[in-house]
């Protein structure tokens, strides 16, 4: 089974990329999938709001600052799958693939 992982990231003015922790990442993605206009996160160590239309985060810790946000998806194959680089595989017939989310 192929797995799709989504990672949300904040990007500062110097283009440094900072990953959201697993809990925030999950909650951000859930809000994004629900087509919410924005998402506000509050925890003991972090407080921010993401505007999905602008793809910007306003961080409310200590002083307000903004970051660009990015959503990336990574497709990975199971560990037990092997590469099909064998020359004998050249005679395989390609089949159309349909991705279902």
N, C-alpha and C. Protein backbone atom coordinates (compact mmCIF):
# COMPACT_ATOMS: atom_id res chain seq x y z
N UNK A 1 0.84 -1.18 0.00
CA UNK A 1 0.00 0.00 0.00
C UNK A 1 0.88 1.24 0.00
N UNK A 2 0.56 2.20 -0.87
CA UNK A 2 1.32 3.44 -0.94
C UNK A 2 0.76 4.42 0.08
N UNK A 3 1.64 5.09 0.80
CA UNK A 3 1.22 6.05 1.82
C UNK A 3 1.56 7.45 1.37
N UNK A 4 0.72 8.37 1.72
CA UNK A 4 0.95 9.77 1.39
C UNK A 4 1.06 10.53 2.70
N UNK A 5 2.17 11.23 2.86
CA UNK A 5 2.41 12.00 4.06
C UNK A 5 2.38 13.48 3.71
N UNK A 6 1.68 14.25 4.50
CA UNK A 6 1.61 15.70 4.30
C UNK A 6 2.37 16.35 5.44
N UNK A 7 3.22 17.32 5.09
CA UNK A 7 3.97 18.06 6.10
C UNK A 7 3.77 19.55 5.86
N UNK A 8 3.30 20.23 6.87
CA UNK A 8 3.17 21.68 6.82
C UNK A 8 4.44 22.30 7.35
N UNK A 9 4.87 23.41 6.72
CA UNK A 9 6.13 24.06 7.09
C UNK A 9 5.92 25.56 7.14
N UNK A 10 6.65 26.21 8.04
CA UNK A 10 6.69 27.68 8.05
C UNK A 10 8.04 28.10 7.49
N UNK A 11 8.04 29.17 6.73
CA UNK A 11 9.25 29.66 6.08
C UNK A 11 9.48 31.10 6.53
N UNK A 12 10.64 31.36 7.14
CA UNK A 12 10.89 32.71 7.62
C UNK A 12 11.43 33.62 6.51
N UNK A 13 11.71 34.84 6.84
CA UNK A 13 12.15 35.84 5.85
C UNK A 13 13.46 35.45 5.17
N UNK A 14 14.28 34.66 5.84
CA UNK A 14 15.56 34.22 5.27
C UNK A 14 15.43 32.89 4.53
N UNK A 15 14.18 32.45 4.31
CA UNK A 15 13.87 31.19 3.63
C UNK A 15 14.28 29.95 4.43
N UNK A 16 14.46 30.11 5.75
CA UNK A 16 14.70 28.95 6.62
C UNK A 16 13.37 28.24 6.81
N UNK A 17 13.39 26.91 6.70
CA UNK A 17 12.17 26.11 6.81
C UNK A 17 12.10 25.48 8.19
N UNK A 18 10.96 25.65 8.84
CA UNK A 18 10.71 25.07 10.16
C UNK A 18 9.47 24.19 10.06
N UNK A 19 9.60 22.94 10.47
CA UNK A 19 8.47 22.01 10.41
C UNK A 19 7.56 22.19 11.62
N UNK A 20 6.26 22.06 11.39
CA UNK A 20 5.33 22.04 12.51
C UNK A 20 5.43 20.68 13.19
N UNK A 21 5.19 20.63 14.49
CA UNK A 21 5.23 19.35 15.18
C UNK A 21 4.06 18.48 14.72
N UNK A 22 4.10 17.21 15.06
CA UNK A 22 3.12 16.24 14.55
C UNK A 22 1.68 16.62 14.90
N UNK A 23 1.46 17.09 16.13
CA UNK A 23 0.10 17.45 16.53
C UNK A 23 -0.41 18.64 15.75
N UNK A 24 0.38 19.69 15.67
CA UNK A 24 -0.04 20.88 14.92
C UNK A 24 -0.20 20.53 13.44
N UNK A 25 0.72 19.75 12.90
CA UNK A 25 0.65 19.34 11.50
C UNK A 25 -0.67 18.64 11.19
N UNK A 26 -1.06 17.72 12.07
CA UNK A 26 -2.32 16.99 11.89
C UNK A 26 -3.52 17.94 11.94
N UNK A 27 -3.53 18.83 12.92
CA UNK A 27 -4.66 19.76 13.08
C UNK A 27 -4.73 20.75 11.91
N UNK A 28 -3.58 21.22 11.43
CA UNK A 28 -3.55 22.13 10.28
C UNK A 28 -4.11 21.42 9.05
N UNK A 29 -3.67 20.21 8.81
CA UNK A 29 -4.14 19.47 7.64
C UNK A 29 -5.64 19.18 7.74
N UNK A 30 -6.10 18.87 8.93
CA UNK A 30 -7.53 18.60 9.13
C UNK A 30 -8.35 19.85 8.78
N UNK A 31 -7.90 21.01 9.22
CA UNK A 31 -8.59 22.27 8.92
C UNK A 31 -8.53 22.57 7.42
N UNK A 32 -7.38 22.31 6.82
CA UNK A 32 -7.21 22.55 5.37
C UNK A 32 -8.16 21.65 4.57
N UNK A 33 -8.22 20.37 4.94
CA UNK A 33 -9.10 19.43 4.23
C UNK A 33 -10.57 19.79 4.42
N UNK A 34 -10.90 20.39 5.55
CA UNK A 34 -12.28 20.82 5.82
C UNK A 34 -12.60 22.15 5.14
N UNK A 35 -11.62 22.67 4.38
CA UNK A 35 -11.77 23.92 3.63
C UNK A 35 -12.09 25.12 4.53
N UNK A 36 -11.52 25.10 5.74
CA UNK A 36 -11.65 26.25 6.63
C UNK A 36 -10.83 27.40 6.05
N UNK A 37 -11.23 28.63 6.32
CA UNK A 37 -10.49 29.79 5.83
C UNK A 37 -9.19 29.99 6.59
N UNK A 38 -9.21 29.63 7.90
CA UNK A 38 -8.00 29.76 8.70
C UNK A 38 -8.03 28.74 9.83
N UNK A 39 -6.90 28.63 10.49
CA UNK A 39 -6.76 27.70 11.61
C UNK A 39 -5.95 28.40 12.69
N UNK A 40 -6.42 28.34 13.93
CA UNK A 40 -5.69 28.90 15.06
C UNK A 40 -5.25 27.77 15.98
N UNK A 41 -3.97 27.79 16.32
CA UNK A 41 -3.38 26.76 17.19
C UNK A 41 -2.93 27.43 18.49
N UNK A 42 -3.30 26.81 19.60
CA UNK A 42 -2.86 27.28 20.92
C UNK A 42 -2.35 26.09 21.71
N UNK A 43 -1.16 26.23 22.22
CA UNK A 43 -0.61 25.22 23.12
C UNK A 43 0.21 25.97 24.17
N UNK A 44 0.82 25.22 25.09
CA UNK A 44 1.66 25.86 26.12
C UNK A 44 2.84 26.61 25.50
N UNK A 45 3.33 26.11 24.36
CA UNK A 45 4.54 26.69 23.77
C UNK A 45 4.32 27.45 22.47
N UNK A 46 3.12 27.39 21.91
CA UNK A 46 2.91 27.98 20.59
C UNK A 46 1.50 28.54 20.45
N UNK A 47 1.39 29.65 19.76
CA UNK A 47 0.09 30.26 19.47
C UNK A 47 0.22 30.96 18.11
N UNK A 48 -0.50 30.45 17.12
CA UNK A 48 -0.42 31.04 15.79
C UNK A 48 -1.72 30.83 15.05
N UNK A 49 -1.92 31.62 13.99
CA UNK A 49 -3.08 31.51 13.12
C UNK A 49 -2.58 31.40 11.68
N UNK A 50 -3.12 30.45 10.94
CA UNK A 50 -2.77 30.29 9.52
C UNK A 50 -3.96 30.73 8.68
N UNK A 51 -3.69 31.60 7.73
CA UNK A 51 -4.67 32.04 6.74
C UNK A 51 -4.41 31.18 5.49
N UNK A 52 -5.32 30.25 5.18
CA UNK A 52 -5.11 29.33 4.07
C UNK A 52 -5.18 30.01 2.71
N UNK A 53 -5.95 31.08 2.61
CA UNK A 53 -6.04 31.79 1.32
C UNK A 53 -4.72 32.47 1.00
N UNK A 54 -4.14 33.13 1.99
CA UNK A 54 -2.86 33.82 1.81
C UNK A 54 -1.66 32.89 1.99
N UNK A 55 -1.90 31.72 2.59
CA UNK A 55 -0.83 30.78 2.96
C UNK A 55 0.23 31.50 3.79
N UNK A 56 -0.29 32.18 4.85
CA UNK A 56 0.56 32.92 5.77
C UNK A 56 0.19 32.56 7.19
N UNK A 57 1.20 32.54 8.05
CA UNK A 57 0.99 32.33 9.48
C UNK A 57 1.29 33.62 10.22
N UNK A 58 0.41 33.96 11.14
CA UNK A 58 0.70 35.04 12.08
C UNK A 58 0.99 34.37 13.41
N UNK A 59 2.20 34.57 13.91
CA UNK A 59 2.61 33.97 15.17
C UNK A 59 2.33 34.95 16.28
N UNK A 60 1.63 34.51 17.31
CA UNK A 60 1.20 35.39 18.40
C UNK A 60 2.08 35.27 19.64
N UNK A 61 3.19 34.56 19.57
CA UNK A 61 4.09 34.40 20.72
C UNK A 61 4.93 35.67 20.89
N UNK A 62 4.93 36.22 22.08
CA UNK A 62 5.75 37.37 22.46
C UNK A 62 5.46 38.60 21.61
N UNK A 63 5.67 38.53 20.34
CA UNK A 63 5.37 39.62 19.42
C UNK A 63 4.83 38.98 18.14
N UNK A 64 4.01 39.71 17.44
CA UNK A 64 3.43 39.15 16.22
C UNK A 64 4.42 39.23 15.07
N UNK A 65 4.61 38.11 14.41
CA UNK A 65 5.41 38.07 13.20
C UNK A 65 4.71 37.14 12.23
N UNK A 66 5.05 37.25 10.97
CA UNK A 66 4.39 36.43 9.97
C UNK A 66 5.40 35.54 9.25
N UNK A 67 4.91 34.39 8.80
CA UNK A 67 5.69 33.43 8.04
C UNK A 67 4.88 32.98 6.84
N UNK A 68 5.55 32.66 5.76
CA UNK A 68 4.88 31.96 4.67
C UNK A 68 4.68 30.53 5.15
N UNK A 69 3.63 29.87 4.69
CA UNK A 69 3.46 28.46 5.01
C UNK A 69 3.39 27.66 3.72
N UNK A 70 3.88 26.43 3.79
CA UNK A 70 3.87 25.54 2.64
C UNK A 70 3.32 24.19 3.05
N UNK A 71 2.63 23.58 2.12
CA UNK A 71 2.09 22.23 2.32
C UNK A 71 2.78 21.33 1.32
N UNK A 72 3.47 20.31 1.80
CA UNK A 72 4.15 19.38 0.90
C UNK A 72 3.64 17.97 1.16
N UNK A 73 3.57 17.19 0.10
CA UNK A 73 3.14 15.80 0.20
C UNK A 73 4.27 14.92 -0.30
N UNK A 74 4.49 13.83 0.40
CA UNK A 74 5.55 12.90 0.04
C UNK A 74 4.93 11.52 -0.14
N UNK A 75 5.18 10.92 -1.28
CA UNK A 75 4.71 9.55 -1.51
C UNK A 75 5.87 8.60 -1.27
N UNK A 76 5.65 7.63 -0.45
CA UNK A 76 6.68 6.63 -0.17
C UNK A 76 6.13 5.25 -0.45
N UNK A 77 7.01 4.38 -0.87
CA UNK A 77 6.63 3.00 -1.14
C UNK A 77 6.95 2.13 0.07
N UNK A 78 6.23 1.06 0.25
CA UNK A 78 6.55 0.14 1.35
C UNK A 78 7.97 -0.41 1.24
N UNK A 79 8.58 -0.71 2.38
CA UNK A 79 9.95 -1.20 2.41
C UNK A 79 10.13 -2.51 1.65
N UNK A 80 9.09 -3.33 1.56
CA UNK A 80 9.23 -4.63 0.92
C UNK A 80 9.08 -4.57 -0.61
N UNK A 81 8.84 -3.39 -1.19
CA UNK A 81 8.76 -3.27 -2.65
C UNK A 81 10.17 -3.14 -3.20
N UNK A 82 10.41 -3.77 -4.36
CA UNK A 82 11.72 -3.72 -4.98
C UNK A 82 11.65 -2.92 -6.27
N UNK A 83 12.78 -2.34 -6.63
CA UNK A 83 12.88 -1.57 -7.86
C UNK A 83 12.75 -2.50 -9.06
N UNK A 84 12.10 -2.03 -10.13
CA UNK A 84 11.95 -2.84 -11.34
C UNK A 84 12.95 -2.38 -12.39
N UNK A 85 14.24 -2.47 -12.06
CA UNK A 85 15.28 -2.06 -12.99
C UNK A 85 15.86 -3.24 -13.75
N UNK A 86 15.29 -4.42 -13.54
CA UNK A 86 15.76 -5.63 -14.22
C UNK A 86 15.48 -5.51 -15.72
N UNK A 87 16.48 -5.80 -16.58
CA UNK A 87 16.26 -5.72 -18.03
C UNK A 87 15.10 -6.59 -18.52
N UNK A 88 14.80 -7.66 -17.82
CA UNK A 88 13.70 -8.53 -18.23
C UNK A 88 12.36 -7.83 -18.09
N UNK A 89 12.32 -6.75 -17.34
CA UNK A 89 11.06 -6.03 -17.14
C UNK A 89 10.72 -5.13 -18.32
N UNK A 90 11.62 -5.04 -19.31
CA UNK A 90 11.37 -4.19 -20.46
C UNK A 90 10.17 -4.63 -21.28
N UNK A 91 9.78 -5.89 -21.16
CA UNK A 91 8.66 -6.38 -21.96
C UNK A 91 7.31 -6.22 -21.25
N UNK A 92 7.28 -5.46 -20.16
CA UNK A 92 6.03 -5.25 -19.45
C UNK A 92 5.17 -4.21 -20.19
N UNK A 93 3.90 -4.40 -20.19
CA UNK A 93 2.97 -3.47 -20.81
C UNK A 93 2.53 -2.44 -19.78
N UNK A 94 2.75 -1.15 -20.06
CA UNK A 94 2.32 -0.13 -19.10
C UNK A 94 0.80 -0.09 -19.00
N UNK A 95 0.31 0.10 -17.80
CA UNK A 95 -1.11 0.20 -17.55
C UNK A 95 -1.43 1.59 -17.03
N UNK A 96 -2.58 2.14 -17.33
CA UNK A 96 -2.94 3.45 -16.78
C UNK A 96 -3.13 3.34 -15.28
N UNK A 97 -2.76 4.41 -14.61
CA UNK A 97 -2.88 4.45 -13.15
C UNK A 97 -3.86 5.56 -12.80
N UNK A 98 -4.76 5.25 -11.88
CA UNK A 98 -5.71 6.24 -11.40
C UNK A 98 -5.50 6.40 -9.89
N UNK A 99 -5.23 7.61 -9.45
CA UNK A 99 -5.00 7.88 -8.04
C UNK A 99 -6.32 8.30 -7.40
N UNK A 100 -6.65 7.65 -6.29
CA UNK A 100 -7.87 7.96 -5.56
C UNK A 100 -7.47 8.45 -4.19
N UNK A 101 -7.86 9.65 -3.86
CA UNK A 101 -7.55 10.20 -2.52
C UNK A 101 -8.62 9.84 -1.55
